[in-house]
Amino acid sequence: MDAWAKRDMKLTSGGQWEPIDVLEGMDEAGGRDINSWLESQGWQDFLEVGNPEGGLLFIETWMRHRDDGPTQYLILIGGTHALSPYLVTESLVDLMDLLSRWAPAVQAAWVADAINELSRPHLSTYGLVEMIAGRASVGSTETAEILLRERREDQQIRARRRRERADSTKD
């Protein structure tokens, strides 16, 4: 038996985990692209938490509507060095429970990754710091005129109020 076969787990309606092979039949179908295989089995992207393209920790989920049973949800937890077995649930409540348990770890990993990136001595074309600086630069350029206009209007309002107070004290 393949070491990876039946390593995936399905949460039963009774709250027990049982082995399942989510990718069963993929090799026989000549498939090597897991996303295409999942799509051919009716799975659709549902939700991502974290960054699957390079984050320290992330969660990807898919959903599949079935005519003969409840909607299923598929969960994959991944990190820099490994992926979890696929986890299957048959209720949104169970999916949300699993996400609520893992989301804090994903968030902490994202914060750690951001701090690591801030302390790197070299610049990265699409790094967090560079993206923030780029957005700030574009934002400040685009909004500078608006901010200046609002500042002038604010100054005019204050000057008018000062005049009005001065006029009211003369009477």
N, C-alpha and C. Protein backbone atom coordinates (compact mmCIF):
# COMPACT_ATOMS: atom_id res chain seq x y z
N MET A 1 0.85 -1.19 0.00
CA MET A 1 0.00 0.00 0.00
C MET A 1 0.89 1.24 0.00
N ASP A 2 0.51 2.22 -0.80
CA ASP A 2 1.21 3.50 -0.88
C ASP A 2 1.18 4.18 0.47
N ALA A 3 2.32 4.76 0.87
CA ALA A 3 2.40 5.43 2.18
C ALA A 3 1.41 6.58 2.29
N TRP A 4 1.02 7.17 1.17
CA TRP A 4 0.10 8.31 1.19
C TRP A 4 -1.36 7.88 1.11
N ALA A 5 -1.62 6.64 0.71
CA ALA A 5 -3.00 6.19 0.55
C ALA A 5 -3.70 6.19 1.90
N LYS A 6 -4.92 6.61 1.92
CA LYS A 6 -5.77 6.62 3.10
C LYS A 6 -5.20 7.43 4.26
N ARG A 7 -4.39 8.42 3.94
CA ARG A 7 -3.88 9.28 5.01
C ARG A 7 -4.82 10.45 5.25
N ASP A 8 -5.72 10.70 4.31
CA ASP A 8 -6.70 11.77 4.47
C ASP A 8 -7.75 11.31 5.48
N MET A 9 -8.47 12.29 6.03
CA MET A 9 -9.44 11.96 7.07
C MET A 9 -10.77 12.65 6.80
N LYS A 10 -11.84 11.93 7.10
CA LYS A 10 -13.20 12.46 6.95
C LYS A 10 -13.86 12.48 8.33
N LEU A 11 -14.46 13.62 8.67
CA LEU A 11 -15.17 13.76 9.93
C LEU A 11 -16.60 13.25 9.73
N THR A 12 -16.96 12.22 10.46
CA THR A 12 -18.29 11.64 10.32
C THR A 12 -19.31 12.48 11.08
N SER A 13 -20.59 12.23 10.80
CA SER A 13 -21.65 12.96 11.50
C SER A 13 -21.64 12.65 13.00
N GLY A 14 -21.02 11.54 13.38
CA GLY A 14 -20.90 11.19 14.79
C GLY A 14 -19.70 11.81 15.47
N GLY A 15 -18.95 12.64 14.74
CA GLY A 15 -17.80 13.33 15.32
C GLY A 15 -16.52 12.53 15.34
N GLN A 16 -16.49 11.41 14.62
CA GLN A 16 -15.29 10.57 14.56
C GLN A 16 -14.56 10.80 13.24
N TRP A 17 -13.26 10.64 13.26
CA TRP A 17 -12.46 10.75 12.04
C TRP A 17 -12.24 9.35 11.48
N GLU A 18 -12.45 9.21 10.16
CA GLU A 18 -12.18 7.93 9.51
C GLU A 18 -11.31 8.17 8.28
N PRO A 19 -10.46 7.18 7.95
CA PRO A 19 -9.57 7.35 6.79
C PRO A 19 -10.36 7.40 5.48
N ILE A 20 -9.82 8.19 4.57
CA ILE A 20 -10.40 8.33 3.24
C ILE A 20 -9.26 8.71 2.30
N ASP A 21 -9.39 8.41 1.03
CA ASP A 21 -8.36 8.81 0.06
C ASP A 21 -9.00 9.80 -0.91
N VAL A 22 -8.78 11.09 -0.67
CA VAL A 22 -9.40 12.14 -1.49
C VAL A 22 -8.93 12.05 -2.94
N LEU A 23 -7.69 11.64 -3.15
CA LEU A 23 -7.13 11.60 -4.50
C LEU A 23 -7.23 10.22 -5.14
N GLU A 24 -8.05 9.34 -4.56
CA GLU A 24 -8.21 7.99 -5.10
C GLU A 24 -8.67 8.06 -6.55
N GLY A 25 -7.97 7.35 -7.41
CA GLY A 25 -8.31 7.32 -8.84
C GLY A 25 -7.58 8.35 -9.68
N MET A 26 -6.90 9.28 -9.05
CA MET A 26 -6.22 10.34 -9.80
C MET A 26 -5.12 9.76 -10.69
N ASP A 27 -4.29 8.86 -10.16
CA ASP A 27 -3.20 8.29 -10.96
C ASP A 27 -3.74 7.46 -12.12
N GLU A 28 -4.81 6.69 -11.88
CA GLU A 28 -5.39 5.87 -12.94
C GLU A 28 -5.96 6.75 -14.06
N ALA A 29 -6.40 7.95 -13.69
CA ALA A 29 -6.95 8.87 -14.69
C ALA A 29 -5.84 9.63 -15.41
N GLY A 30 -4.60 9.33 -15.06
CA GLY A 30 -3.46 9.99 -15.71
C GLY A 30 -3.23 11.41 -15.21
N GLY A 31 -3.79 11.71 -14.07
CA GLY A 31 -3.69 13.07 -13.57
C GLY A 31 -2.47 13.29 -12.70
N ARG A 32 -1.91 14.46 -12.79
CA ARG A 32 -0.81 14.87 -11.91
C ARG A 32 -1.08 16.24 -11.31
N ASP A 33 -2.05 16.96 -11.85
CA ASP A 33 -2.41 18.28 -11.35
C ASP A 33 -3.56 18.12 -10.37
N ILE A 34 -3.24 18.28 -9.10
CA ILE A 34 -4.24 18.03 -8.05
C ILE A 34 -5.43 18.97 -8.18
N ASN A 35 -5.19 20.25 -8.47
CA ASN A 35 -6.31 21.19 -8.59
C ASN A 35 -7.26 20.79 -9.71
N SER A 36 -6.72 20.36 -10.85
CA SER A 36 -7.58 19.91 -11.95
C SER A 36 -8.35 18.67 -11.55
N TRP A 37 -7.69 17.76 -10.84
CA TRP A 37 -8.36 16.55 -10.37
C TRP A 37 -9.51 16.89 -9.43
N LEU A 38 -9.26 17.77 -8.47
CA LEU A 38 -10.30 18.15 -7.53
C LEU A 38 -11.48 18.78 -8.27
N GLU A 39 -11.18 19.64 -9.22
CA GLU A 39 -12.24 20.28 -10.01
C GLU A 39 -13.05 19.23 -10.78
N SER A 40 -12.37 18.23 -11.34
CA SER A 40 -13.08 17.19 -12.08
C SER A 40 -13.97 16.34 -11.18
N GLN A 41 -13.69 16.37 -9.88
CA GLN A 41 -14.50 15.63 -8.91
C GLN A 41 -15.58 16.50 -8.27
N GLY A 42 -15.75 17.71 -8.80
CA GLY A 42 -16.82 18.59 -8.32
C GLY A 42 -16.42 19.58 -7.25
N TRP A 43 -15.15 19.59 -6.85
CA TRP A 43 -14.71 20.52 -5.82
C TRP A 43 -14.50 21.91 -6.41
N GLN A 44 -14.94 22.93 -5.67
CA GLN A 44 -14.77 24.33 -6.08
C GLN A 44 -14.03 25.06 -4.97
N ASP A 45 -13.15 25.99 -5.36
CA ASP A 45 -12.47 26.82 -4.36
C ASP A 45 -13.51 27.46 -3.46
N PHE A 46 -13.24 27.49 -2.17
CA PHE A 46 -14.20 28.07 -1.24
C PHE A 46 -13.57 29.22 -0.44
N LEU A 47 -12.48 28.97 0.27
CA LEU A 47 -11.93 29.97 1.16
C LEU A 47 -10.45 29.70 1.37
N GLU A 48 -9.67 30.77 1.44
CA GLU A 48 -8.26 30.67 1.79
C GLU A 48 -8.00 31.53 3.01
N VAL A 49 -7.19 31.01 3.91
CA VAL A 49 -6.74 31.77 5.06
C VAL A 49 -5.22 31.71 5.01
N GLY A 50 -4.58 32.86 5.00
CA GLY A 50 -3.13 32.88 4.83
C GLY A 50 -2.77 32.95 3.36
N ASN A 51 -1.50 32.72 3.06
CA ASN A 51 -1.01 32.85 1.69
C ASN A 51 -0.42 31.53 1.19
N PRO A 52 -1.19 30.78 0.38
CA PRO A 52 -0.68 29.50 -0.13
C PRO A 52 0.52 29.66 -1.07
N GLU A 53 0.77 30.86 -1.53
CA GLU A 53 1.87 31.09 -2.47
C GLU A 53 3.18 31.42 -1.77
N GLY A 54 3.29 31.18 -0.49
CA GLY A 54 4.56 31.45 0.16
C GLY A 54 4.47 31.83 1.62
N GLY A 55 3.30 31.72 2.20
CA GLY A 55 3.18 32.04 3.62
C GLY A 55 3.75 30.91 4.47
N LEU A 56 4.04 31.24 5.71
CA LEU A 56 4.56 30.23 6.64
C LEU A 56 3.52 29.16 6.94
N LEU A 57 2.25 29.54 6.98
CA LEU A 57 1.17 28.62 7.28
C LEU A 57 -0.09 29.13 6.58
N PHE A 58 -0.85 28.22 5.99
CA PHE A 58 -2.07 28.63 5.29
C PHE A 58 -3.09 27.51 5.34
N ILE A 59 -4.32 27.88 5.04
CA ILE A 59 -5.42 26.91 4.95
C ILE A 59 -6.13 27.17 3.62
N GLU A 60 -6.35 26.12 2.89
CA GLU A 60 -7.16 26.21 1.66
C GLU A 60 -8.38 25.32 1.85
N THR A 61 -9.52 25.79 1.39
CA THR A 61 -10.74 24.98 1.49
C THR A 61 -11.45 24.95 0.13
N TRP A 62 -12.17 23.87 -0.08
CA TRP A 62 -13.00 23.69 -1.27
C TRP A 62 -14.36 23.20 -0.79
N MET A 63 -15.35 23.32 -1.63
CA MET A 63 -16.67 22.78 -1.32
C MET A 63 -17.18 22.00 -2.52
N ARG A 64 -18.04 21.02 -2.24
CA ARG A 64 -18.62 20.21 -3.30
C ARG A 64 -20.08 19.94 -2.96
N HIS A 65 -20.98 20.40 -3.84
CA HIS A 65 -22.41 20.11 -3.68
C HIS A 65 -22.66 18.71 -4.24
N ARG A 66 -23.46 17.97 -3.53
CA ARG A 66 -23.78 16.61 -3.98
C ARG A 66 -25.29 16.43 -4.02
N ASP A 67 -25.77 15.73 -5.03
CA ASP A 67 -27.21 15.43 -5.12
C ASP A 67 -27.62 14.37 -4.11
N ASP A 68 -26.67 13.48 -3.78
CA ASP A 68 -27.00 12.34 -2.94
C ASP A 68 -26.57 12.50 -1.48
N GLY A 69 -26.25 13.71 -1.07
CA GLY A 69 -25.82 13.91 0.31
C GLY A 69 -25.55 15.37 0.60
N PRO A 70 -25.06 15.63 1.80
CA PRO A 70 -24.79 17.02 2.18
C PRO A 70 -23.60 17.60 1.42
N THR A 71 -23.55 18.92 1.38
CA THR A 71 -22.40 19.61 0.81
C THR A 71 -21.18 19.22 1.62
N GLN A 72 -20.10 18.90 0.92
CA GLN A 72 -18.86 18.54 1.59
C GLN A 72 -17.87 19.69 1.51
N TYR A 73 -17.00 19.74 2.50
CA TYR A 73 -15.94 20.75 2.54
C TYR A 73 -14.61 20.02 2.69
N LEU A 74 -13.64 20.48 1.93
CA LEU A 74 -12.31 19.88 1.92
C LEU A 74 -11.33 20.91 2.45
N ILE A 75 -10.47 20.49 3.35
CA ILE A 75 -9.53 21.41 3.99
C ILE A 75 -8.11 20.89 3.80
N LEU A 76 -7.20 21.79 3.48
CA LEU A 76 -5.78 21.46 3.40
C LEU A 76 -5.03 22.52 4.20
N ILE A 77 -4.22 22.07 5.13
CA ILE A 77 -3.41 22.97 5.93
C ILE A 77 -1.98 22.79 5.46
N GLY A 78 -1.33 23.89 5.12
CA GLY A 78 0.02 23.79 4.59
C GLY A 78 0.95 24.78 5.25
N GLY A 79 2.21 24.46 5.12
CA GLY A 79 3.23 25.33 5.66
C GLY A 79 4.41 25.39 4.71
N THR A 80 5.46 26.00 5.17
CA THR A 80 6.65 26.18 4.35
C THR A 80 7.23 24.84 3.90
N HIS A 81 7.14 23.82 4.73
CA HIS A 81 7.82 22.57 4.45
C HIS A 81 6.92 21.36 4.23
N ALA A 82 5.63 21.45 4.53
CA ALA A 82 4.79 20.26 4.42
C ALA A 82 3.32 20.63 4.28
N LEU A 83 2.55 19.64 3.85
CA LEU A 83 1.10 19.77 3.75
C LEU A 83 0.46 18.72 4.64
N SER A 84 -0.69 19.06 5.18
CA SER A 84 -1.43 18.10 6.00
C SER A 84 -2.13 17.10 5.08
N PRO A 85 -2.64 16.04 5.67
CA PRO A 85 -3.59 15.22 4.90
C PRO A 85 -4.81 16.08 4.60
N TYR A 86 -5.56 15.72 3.57
CA TYR A 86 -6.83 16.40 3.33
C TYR A 86 -7.80 16.01 4.42
N LEU A 87 -8.62 16.98 4.84
CA LEU A 87 -9.66 16.74 5.82
C LEU A 87 -10.99 17.04 5.15
N VAL A 88 -11.97 16.17 5.33
CA VAL A 88 -13.28 16.35 4.71
C VAL A 88 -14.32 16.45 5.82
N THR A 89 -15.20 17.45 5.70
CA THR A 89 -16.34 17.57 6.61
C THR A 89 -17.61 17.61 5.78
N GLU A 90 -18.72 17.28 6.42
CA GLU A 90 -19.99 17.31 5.71
C GLU A 90 -20.93 18.36 6.26
N SER A 91 -20.33 19.36 6.92
CA SER A 91 -21.18 20.48 7.34
C SER A 91 -20.32 21.74 7.42
N LEU A 92 -20.95 22.84 7.15
CA LEU A 92 -20.28 24.13 7.25
C LEU A 92 -19.88 24.41 8.70
N VAL A 93 -20.70 23.95 9.63
CA VAL A 93 -20.41 24.15 11.05
C VAL A 93 -19.09 23.46 11.42
N ASP A 94 -18.90 22.23 10.94
CA ASP A 94 -17.64 21.52 11.22
C ASP A 94 -16.46 22.22 10.57
N LEU A 95 -16.65 22.72 9.35
CA LEU A 95 -15.58 23.48 8.69
C LEU A 95 -15.23 24.71 9.51
N MET A 96 -16.23 25.46 9.94
CA MET A 96 -15.98 26.67 10.71
C MET A 96 -15.30 26.34 12.04
N ASP A 97 -15.65 25.22 12.64
CA ASP A 97 -14.99 24.81 13.88
C ASP A 97 -13.50 24.55 13.64
N LEU A 98 -13.18 23.84 12.57
CA LEU A 98 -11.78 23.58 12.26
C LEU A 98 -11.03 24.88 11.94
N LEU A 99 -11.67 25.75 11.18
CA LEU A 99 -11.04 27.03 10.84
C LEU A 99 -10.80 27.87 12.10
N SER A 100 -11.76 27.86 13.01
CA SER A 100 -11.59 28.66 14.23
C SER A 100 -10.44 28.13 15.07
N ARG A 101 -10.14 26.87 14.96
CA ARG A 101 -9.02 26.30 15.71
C ARG A 101 -7.67 26.63 15.06
N TRP A 102 -7.65 26.70 13.73
CA TRP A 102 -6.40 26.90 13.00
C TRP A 102 -6.12 28.36 12.67
N ALA A 103 -7.15 29.19 12.54
CA ALA A 103 -6.95 30.58 12.11
C ALA A 103 -5.98 31.35 13.01
N PRO A 104 -6.03 31.20 14.34
CA PRO A 104 -5.06 31.93 15.16
C PRO A 104 -3.60 31.56 14.84
N ALA A 105 -3.36 30.29 14.55
CA ALA A 105 -2.00 29.88 14.20
C ALA A 105 -1.58 30.48 12.86
N VAL A 106 -2.50 30.53 11.90
CA VAL A 106 -2.20 31.13 10.60
C VAL A 106 -1.93 32.62 10.77
N GLN A 107 -2.74 33.28 11.58
CA GLN A 107 -2.55 34.71 11.82
C GLN A 107 -1.20 34.97 12.50
N ALA A 108 -0.85 34.17 13.49
CA ALA A 108 0.44 34.33 14.17
C ALA A 108 1.59 34.10 13.20
N ALA A 109 1.45 33.11 12.32
CA ALA A 109 2.50 32.85 11.33
C ALA A 109 2.64 34.03 10.37
N TRP A 110 1.49 34.63 9.99
CA TRP A 110 1.54 35.77 9.08
C TRP A 110 2.26 36.94 9.75
N VAL A 111 1.95 37.19 11.01
CA VAL A 111 2.61 38.28 11.74
C VAL A 111 4.10 38.00 11.85
N ALA A 112 4.47 36.77 12.18
CA ALA A 112 5.90 36.41 12.27
C ALA A 112 6.58 36.60 10.92
N ASP A 113 5.91 36.22 9.84
CA ASP A 113 6.46 36.38 8.50
C ASP A 113 6.65 37.87 8.19
N ALA A 114 5.68 38.70 8.56
CA ALA A 114 5.79 40.14 8.31
C ALA A 114 6.95 40.74 9.09
N ILE A 115 7.11 40.33 10.33
CA ILE A 115 8.22 40.84 11.14
C ILE A 115 9.55 40.39 10.55
N ASN A 116 9.63 39.15 10.12
CA ASN A 116 10.86 38.67 9.47
C ASN A 116 11.18 39.48 8.22
N GLU A 117 10.15 39.77 7.45
CA GLU A 117 10.37 40.53 6.22
C GLU A 117 10.83 41.96 6.53
N LEU A 118 10.28 42.54 7.58
CA LEU A 118 10.69 43.90 7.96
C LEU A 118 12.16 43.96 8.38
N SER A 119 12.67 42.86 8.90
CA SER A 119 14.05 42.87 9.39
C SER A 119 15.07 42.40 8.36
N ARG A 120 14.63 42.04 7.17
CA ARG A 120 15.57 41.61 6.12
C ARG A 120 16.37 42.81 5.62
N PRO A 121 17.66 42.61 5.38
CA PRO A 121 18.49 43.73 4.94
C PRO A 121 18.35 44.08 3.46
N HIS A 122 17.74 43.21 2.66
CA HIS A 122 17.63 43.48 1.23
C HIS A 122 16.17 43.79 0.86
N LEU A 123 16.02 44.48 -0.25
CA LEU A 123 14.69 44.80 -0.74
C LEU A 123 14.18 43.67 -1.64
N SER A 124 12.90 43.49 -1.64
CA SER A 124 12.27 42.48 -2.48
C SER A 124 11.25 43.20 -3.36
N THR A 125 11.20 42.84 -4.62
CA THR A 125 10.29 43.52 -5.54
C THR A 125 8.86 43.51 -5.05
N TYR A 126 8.41 42.39 -4.52
CA TYR A 126 7.03 42.29 -4.07
C TYR A 126 6.94 41.98 -2.57
N GLY A 127 7.90 42.46 -1.81
CA GLY A 127 7.87 42.26 -0.37
C GLY A 127 6.84 43.15 0.30
N LEU A 128 6.50 42.82 1.52
CA LEU A 128 5.50 43.56 2.28
C LEU A 128 5.88 45.03 2.43
N VAL A 129 7.12 45.29 2.84
CA VAL A 129 7.56 46.67 3.06
C VAL A 129 7.48 47.46 1.76
N GLU A 130 7.95 46.87 0.68
CA GLU A 130 7.94 47.56 -0.61
C GLU A 130 6.51 47.80 -1.10
N MET A 131 5.63 46.84 -0.86
CA MET A 131 4.23 47.02 -1.27
C MET A 131 3.57 48.14 -0.46
N ILE A 132 3.82 48.18 0.84
CA ILE A 132 3.24 49.24 1.67
C ILE A 132 3.79 50.60 1.23
N ALA A 133 5.11 50.67 1.02
CA ALA A 133 5.72 51.93 0.59
C ALA A 133 5.17 52.36 -0.77
N GLY A 134 5.03 51.41 -1.67
CA GLY A 134 4.47 51.71 -2.99
C GLY A 134 3.05 52.21 -2.92
N ARG A 135 2.25 51.56 -2.12
CA ARG A 135 0.85 52.00 -1.96
C ARG A 135 0.77 53.37 -1.30
N ALA A 136 1.62 53.59 -0.32
CA ALA A 136 1.63 54.90 0.35
C ALA A 136 2.03 55.98 -0.64
N SER A 137 3.02 55.68 -1.47
CA SER A 137 3.48 56.66 -2.46
C SER A 137 2.38 56.97 -3.47
N VAL A 138 1.77 55.95 -4.01
CA VAL A 138 0.68 56.15 -4.98
C VAL A 138 -0.49 56.85 -4.30
N GLY A 139 -0.84 56.37 -3.11
CA GLY A 139 -1.96 56.98 -2.38
C GLY A 139 -1.72 58.43 -2.07
N SER A 140 -0.50 58.75 -1.65
CA SER A 140 -0.23 60.15 -1.30
C SER A 140 -0.23 61.03 -2.55
N THR A 141 0.23 60.50 -3.65
CA THR A 141 0.23 61.26 -4.90
C THR A 141 -1.21 61.52 -5.35
N GLU A 142 -2.02 60.48 -5.31
CA GLU A 142 -3.40 60.61 -5.77
C GLU A 142 -4.26 61.44 -4.83
N THR A 143 -3.96 61.40 -3.56
CA THR A 143 -4.82 62.10 -2.60
C THR A 143 -4.25 63.44 -2.13
N ALA A 144 -3.05 63.79 -2.56
CA ALA A 144 -2.44 65.04 -2.10
C ALA A 144 -3.33 66.23 -2.43
N GLU A 145 -3.86 66.26 -3.62
CA GLU A 145 -4.72 67.38 -4.03
C GLU A 145 -5.98 67.44 -3.16
N ILE A 146 -6.57 66.30 -2.90
CA ILE A 146 -7.77 66.25 -2.06
C ILE A 146 -7.45 66.73 -0.65
N LEU A 147 -6.34 66.25 -0.11
CA LEU A 147 -5.96 66.64 1.25
C LEU A 147 -5.68 68.14 1.34
N LEU A 148 -5.01 68.69 0.33
CA LEU A 148 -4.73 70.13 0.33
C LEU A 148 -6.02 70.93 0.25
N ARG A 149 -6.96 70.50 -0.60
CA ARG A 149 -8.24 71.19 -0.73
C ARG A 149 -9.00 71.14 0.59
N GLU A 150 -9.04 69.96 1.25
CA GLU A 150 -9.73 69.84 2.52
C GLU A 150 -9.06 70.70 3.59
N ARG A 151 -7.75 70.78 3.56
CA ARG A 151 -7.03 71.62 4.52
C ARG A 151 -7.37 73.09 4.33
N ARG A 152 -7.41 73.54 3.05
CA ARG A 152 -7.77 74.93 2.77
C ARG A 152 -9.20 75.22 3.23
N GLU A 153 -10.13 74.28 2.94
CA GLU A 153 -11.52 74.46 3.37
C GLU A 153 -11.62 74.53 4.89
N ASP A 154 -10.88 73.67 5.58
CA ASP A 154 -10.87 73.66 7.04
C ASP A 154 -10.33 74.98 7.58
N GLN A 155 -9.25 75.47 6.96
CA GLN A 155 -8.69 76.76 7.39
C GLN A 155 -9.68 77.89 7.17
N GLN A 156 -10.41 77.87 6.06
CA GLN A 156 -11.40 78.89 5.77
C GLN A 156 -12.54 78.85 6.79
N ILE A 157 -12.97 77.65 7.15
CA ILE A 157 -14.05 77.51 8.15
C ILE A 157 -13.60 78.06 9.49
N ARG A 158 -12.38 77.73 9.89
CA ARG A 158 -11.87 78.23 11.17
C ARG A 158 -11.73 79.76 11.15
N ALA A 159 -11.25 80.30 10.03
CA ALA A 159 -11.11 81.76 9.92
C ALA A 159 -12.48 82.41 9.98
N ARG A 160 -13.49 81.84 9.33
CA ARG A 160 -14.84 82.39 9.35
C ARG A 160 -15.40 82.35 10.77
N ARG A 161 -15.19 81.26 11.48
CA ARG A 161 -15.68 81.14 12.86
C ARG A 161 -15.00 82.17 13.77
N ARG A 162 -13.69 82.40 13.55
CA ARG A 162 -12.98 83.41 14.35
C ARG A 162 -13.57 84.79 14.08
N ARG A 163 -13.85 85.10 12.80
CA ARG A 163 -14.45 86.39 12.46
C ARG A 163 -15.82 86.53 13.09
N GLU A 164 -16.62 85.42 13.02
CA GLU A 164 -17.97 85.45 13.59
C GLU A 164 -17.93 85.67 15.10
N ARG A 165 -16.97 85.02 15.77
CA ARG A 165 -16.83 85.23 17.23
C ARG A 165 -16.40 86.66 17.53
N ALA A 166 -15.47 87.15 16.71
CA ALA A 166 -15.00 88.54 16.91
C ALA A 166 -16.15 89.50 16.68
N ASP A 167 -16.97 89.29 15.65
CA ASP A 167 -18.09 90.16 15.36
C ASP A 167 -19.13 90.10 16.47
N SER A 168 -19.35 88.92 17.03
CA SER A 168 -20.37 88.77 18.08
C SER A 168 -19.91 89.44 19.38
N THR A 169 -18.65 89.57 19.61
CA THR A 169 -18.18 90.25 20.83
C THR A 169 -18.23 91.75 20.68
N LYS A 170 -18.24 92.29 19.45
CA LYS A 170 -18.32 93.72 19.22
C LYS A 170 -19.69 94.26 19.55
N ASP A 171 -20.67 93.41 19.39
CA ASP A 171 -22.06 93.88 19.61
C ASP A 171 -22.37 94.08 20.99
